[in-house]
Amino acid sequence: MAIDPYAWIEASLTTIHRADWYRFEQTISSRPGTIVQLEGRTVINFASNDYLGLAGDRRLIAAAMFATEEFGTGSTGSRLLSGHRQLHRELEKAIASLKQTEDALVFSSGYLANLGAIASVVGKKDLILSDRYNHSSLKNGAILSGATIIDYAHCNLAELENHLKEHREKYRRCLIITDTVFSMDGDLCPLPKLLDLAEKFHCMVLVDEAHATGILGKNGAGSVTHFNCTHRPLIQIGTLSKALGSLGGYVAGSSTLIDFLRNRAPTWIYTTGLSPADTAAALEAIKIVQQEPERRAQLWRNIETLKQLISQQLPNLKLLPSESAILCLQLKDAATALVAGIKLKEAGIFAPAIRPPTVPTSRIRISLMATHETSQLEKLVAALKSL
């Protein structure tokens, strides 16, 4: 009797279902915004990373349409072959200006930026120290590099220092990697003290600013500026797909680093360049972020308003510590989180359940936008009270 080499997949799916870890798509059939059409239902959107409300902004749409008319729908090849456009370089200069770095390099996604950068700057003779709550792209970039990887407890610099004391001298180079805003918790890494440790032990530092760019710091430059660490040596990764409302990723840093990555990062060298539409939209978004600080100010007013409403009306809910636009309500298990997400949707609120293995504990994740109105925040709190 022949053995089916794919039979294990169905058994694995059964295990995923039993653990309440099964995932599926939910179709949005409208333009991005605070109100969306989700599976035929009108809901208030608290699930988007479109923090400044730019993904549906007519100026970004117009920029993308103009670039498409001018340059077509695709870049047609890698940047080193047929895929480079002047738009790409304009975007890289704009990112470097925003981040106050010497140069920047645009990738086709933030995930690819992390994979390519990490795998390029360290190898089998090197050490990576990684925050346990880091994003999947940071973790997989570390694996791809072939370096020895040691995780340290979330934001625990004492443990990080102990690892450095014990292991640093055994390796040629050492890279510390961390998110600056942790995407499933909303808290910030202690960047200044982490950089002090890196200097003490002669380590490189790579930070992922995906959920900080456009939101934190002067002119929305991110956590590095927020912590006044702009001129300290480090590698900054980010995305164009969250507050900047487009698609793609970037690395920002010294001109030497960027020149090196152009020649060594496989996820840049061997990947088709970012589309003209996405490039132009991101470039327009950076202009808006710098010219309209009131968007960022309104986002922070919304964050404080929601925190106050939850504190006053839902004192028994466990709100995880957050210093960003991401607020998480911790729940006891995956089944409870799934039920909560379904009931919120029935009440007209889109705030998804996040479960293991994505996070260590199940939760409802709320992400706020500058375009949310106070009445929408009040409806969210009322729906939470009714659970």
Foldseek 3Di string as FASTA:
>chain_A
DDDDPCVVVVVVVVVCVVQLNDDDDWDWDDQDDQWTQTPNDTFGEQPALQFLGQLRPVVLVVLLVVLCVVPNWFLPFFCVPRRDDVLQQLLFVLLCVLLVAATKHWFQALLLVLLQLLLQPAAQQEEEEEEPLADPSNVVSPVNNNYHYDYDYHLPVVRVLVCLVVPLVSGDAYEYEEEQQRPQFAAGRPPVVVLVSCVVSVHAYEYEFASQALAAADLRSGDCRNVPNSPPAYKYKYFCVGNLNAGTIMIGHHPVSVVSSCVGRCSRRGDRDHTSSRSSSSSVSSVCSNVPVVSNVLSVVVVVLLVVLCVVQPVPWDWHDHDGQKIKTFDAGSVVQQVLQVQSVVLRYHFHWDHPPSDPTIITIGGHHSPDDSVSSVSSSVSVVVD
